[in-house]
């Protein structure tokens, strides 16, 4: 074995592991939006049995899809800061290889839009707005999190129910 073989960095995995994807999407954060959607659907007064598919898809949209997307977007665009402050996170630690954090954020955004489209004309615009806020909060050029007022308005608008 020569010196070059000893100093060469080992090749990275081409695809992220399921555990790394799950760590990127942070399932612990999904519960509040899933619970809120389910409670809203149940308390609407419409029969649950005839709308079970609608409710289940809405719960998936609120939690793993939209909330998971926002987590992936945030982690991707904070990867340089996290490399200093939280090097054990999935992207700076290398458990999420290459640009897969970004790819997963994009894939999850598309899946969110598809699910929202299936849920109808009331859900789709709300999901589009939620995705806009998820990307605008963390991604350049807006990166609203850099401004205290803009970040507060963005986070509050994405989490507060609409009046009426």
Protein backbone atom coordinates (compact mmCIF):
# COMPACT_ATOMS: atom_id res chain seq x y z
CA UNK A 1 0.00 0.00 0.00
CA UNK A 2 1.49 3.34 -0.98
CA UNK A 3 1.19 6.74 0.73
CA UNK A 4 -1.50 8.02 -1.65
CA UNK A 5 -3.80 5.11 -0.79
CA UNK A 6 -3.41 5.79 2.92
CA UNK A 7 -4.23 9.52 2.68
CA UNK A 8 -7.09 9.29 0.23
CA UNK A 9 -10.49 9.85 1.83
CA UNK A 10 -12.82 6.89 1.63
CA UNK A 11 -15.55 7.15 -1.02
CA UNK A 12 -18.85 8.46 0.25
CA UNK A 13 -22.08 6.55 -0.10
CA UNK A 14 -23.94 7.42 -3.26
CA UNK A 15 -27.37 7.33 -1.62
CA UNK A 16 -28.34 8.35 1.91
CA UNK A 17 -29.43 5.63 4.29
CA UNK A 18 -33.09 5.48 5.38
CA UNK A 19 -31.93 6.47 8.87
CA UNK A 20 -30.20 9.57 7.53
CA UNK A 21 -33.32 10.57 5.58
CA UNK A 22 -35.45 10.14 8.68
CA UNK A 23 -32.99 12.19 10.73
CA UNK A 24 -33.13 14.96 8.10
CA UNK A 25 -36.95 15.06 8.14
CA UNK A 26 -37.11 15.09 11.99
CA UNK A 27 -40.29 13.07 12.70
CA UNK A 28 -40.59 14.47 16.25
CA UNK A 29 -41.63 17.79 14.69
CA UNK A 30 -44.47 16.26 12.68
CA UNK A 31 -46.83 15.60 15.58
CA UNK A 32 -48.25 19.12 16.19
CA UNK A 33 -49.32 19.82 12.57
CA UNK A 34 -50.63 16.26 12.13
CA UNK A 35 -52.62 16.54 15.35
CA UNK A 36 -53.96 19.98 14.40
CA UNK A 37 -55.15 18.76 10.99
CA UNK A 38 -56.76 15.63 12.43
CA UNK A 39 -58.51 17.59 15.20
CA UNK A 40 -59.76 20.15 12.70
CA UNK A 41 -61.07 17.46 10.37
CA UNK A 42 -62.80 15.60 13.18
CA UNK A 43 -64.29 18.72 14.76
CA UNK A 44 -65.61 20.00 11.42
CA UNK A 45 -68.83 18.07 11.94
CA UNK A 46 -68.52 16.05 8.73
CA UNK A 47 -68.74 12.30 8.95
CA UNK A 48 -65.31 10.77 9.42
CA UNK A 49 -66.07 7.38 7.85
CA UNK A 50 -66.84 8.80 4.41
CA UNK A 51 -63.81 11.10 4.55
CA UNK A 52 -61.20 8.84 6.15
CA UNK A 53 -58.93 8.92 3.06
CA UNK A 54 -59.13 12.72 2.95
CA UNK A 55 -58.22 12.97 6.63
CA UNK A 56 -55.35 10.46 6.41
CA UNK A 57 -53.86 12.16 3.34
CA UNK A 58 -54.22 15.55 5.04
CA UNK A 59 -52.44 14.28 8.14
CA UNK A 60 -49.60 12.95 5.94
CA UNK A 61 -49.46 16.28 4.09
CA UNK A 62 -49.32 18.30 7.32
CA UNK A 63 -46.67 16.16 9.02
CA UNK A 64 -44.18 14.16 6.97
CA UNK A 65 -44.63 16.12 3.76
CA UNK A 66 -44.88 19.84 4.61
CA UNK A 67 -43.22 19.80 8.02
CA UNK A 68 -40.59 17.30 6.85
CA UNK A 69 -39.91 19.46 3.80
CA UNK A 70 -39.37 22.54 5.95
CA UNK A 71 -36.92 20.61 8.12
CA UNK A 72 -34.94 19.42 5.08
CA UNK A 73 -34.88 22.91 3.54
CA UNK A 74 -33.71 24.46 6.81
CA UNK A 75 -30.99 21.87 7.37
CA UNK A 76 -29.70 22.17 3.81
CA UNK A 77 -29.38 25.95 3.89
CA UNK A 78 -27.94 25.94 7.43
CA UNK A 79 -25.38 23.20 6.74
CA UNK A 80 -22.41 25.59 6.96
CA UNK A 81 -23.54 27.03 10.29
CA UNK A 82 -24.43 23.56 11.58
CA UNK A 83 -20.94 22.34 10.65
CA UNK A 84 -19.64 24.73 13.30
CA UNK A 85 -22.43 24.73 15.91
CA UNK A 86 -23.93 21.25 15.52
CA UNK A 87 -21.47 19.06 13.61
CA UNK A 88 -23.33 15.87 14.58
CA UNK A 89 -26.40 16.83 12.53
CA UNK A 90 -27.08 14.64 9.53
CA UNK A 91 -25.70 16.89 6.75
CA UNK A 92 -22.50 18.27 8.34
CA UNK A 93 -21.67 14.86 9.83
CA UNK A 94 -21.63 13.34 6.33
CA UNK A 95 -24.45 10.87 7.00
CA UNK A 96 -26.34 12.69 4.22
CA UNK A 97 -23.95 12.49 1.26
CA UNK A 98 -23.40 15.15 -1.38
CA UNK A 99 -26.36 17.30 -2.34
CA UNK A 100 -28.94 14.76 -1.16
CA UNK A 101 -30.27 17.13 1.51
CA UNK A 102 -31.29 19.55 -1.25
CA UNK A 103 -32.63 16.77 -3.48
CA UNK A 104 -34.80 15.45 -0.66
CA UNK A 105 -36.15 18.95 0.04
CA UNK A 106 -37.12 19.30 -3.64
CA UNK A 107 -38.63 15.80 -3.86
CA UNK A 108 -40.63 16.39 -0.67
CA UNK A 109 -41.87 19.72 -2.06
CA UNK A 110 -43.14 18.02 -5.20
CA UNK A 111 -44.79 15.23 -3.19
CA UNK A 112 -46.41 17.89 -0.97
CA UNK A 113 -47.85 19.66 -3.99
CA UNK A 114 -49.19 16.39 -5.42
CA UNK A 115 -50.87 15.45 -2.14
CA UNK A 116 -52.31 18.94 -1.74
CA UNK A 117 -53.62 18.86 -5.31
CA UNK A 118 -55.40 15.59 -4.52
CA UNK A 119 -56.99 17.18 -1.45
CA UNK A 120 -58.63 19.90 -3.48
CA UNK A 121 -58.88 23.62 -4.16
CA UNK A 122 -58.99 24.70 -0.51
CA UNK A 123 -55.93 22.73 0.59
CA UNK A 124 -53.73 23.30 -2.45
CA UNK A 125 -53.24 27.09 -2.08
CA UNK A 126 -52.59 26.68 1.65
CA UNK A 127 -49.91 24.07 0.90
CA UNK A 128 -48.34 26.31 -1.77
CA UNK A 129 -48.20 29.14 0.76
CA UNK A 130 -46.71 26.82 3.39
CA UNK A 131 -44.03 25.65 0.95
CA UNK A 132 -43.28 29.24 -0.02
CA UNK A 133 -42.74 30.12 3.64
CA UNK A 134 -40.61 27.00 4.22
CA UNK A 135 -38.26 27.94 1.39
CA UNK A 136 -38.35 31.73 1.96
CA UNK A 137 -37.49 31.31 5.65
CA UNK A 138 -34.24 29.45 5.01
CA UNK A 139 -33.21 29.79 1.37
CA UNK A 140 -31.47 32.67 -0.35
CA UNK A 141 -32.18 35.19 -1.68
CA UNK A 142 -34.94 35.89 0.87
CA UNK A 143 -33.61 33.89 3.85
CA UNK A 144 -36.20 35.56 6.08
CA UNK A 145 -34.66 34.05 9.21
CA UNK A 146 -31.94 36.69 9.02
CA UNK A 147 -34.46 39.42 9.88
CA UNK A 148 -36.26 39.15 13.22
CA UNK A 149 -39.44 40.82 11.97
CA UNK A 150 -39.63 38.90 8.70
CA UNK A 151 -38.91 35.60 10.46
CA UNK A 152 -41.64 36.23 13.02
CA UNK A 153 -44.22 37.15 10.38
CA UNK A 154 -43.21 34.15 8.26
CA UNK A 155 -43.37 31.65 11.12
CA UNK A 156 -46.58 33.14 12.50
CA UNK A 157 -48.30 33.17 9.11
CA UNK A 158 -47.40 29.56 8.48
CA UNK A 159 -48.63 28.31 11.85
CA UNK A 160 -51.67 30.45 12.72
CA UNK A 161 -55.12 29.44 11.51
CA UNK A 162 -56.80 31.78 9.06
CA UNK A 163 -59.53 33.95 10.61
CA UNK A 164 -63.12 33.38 9.69
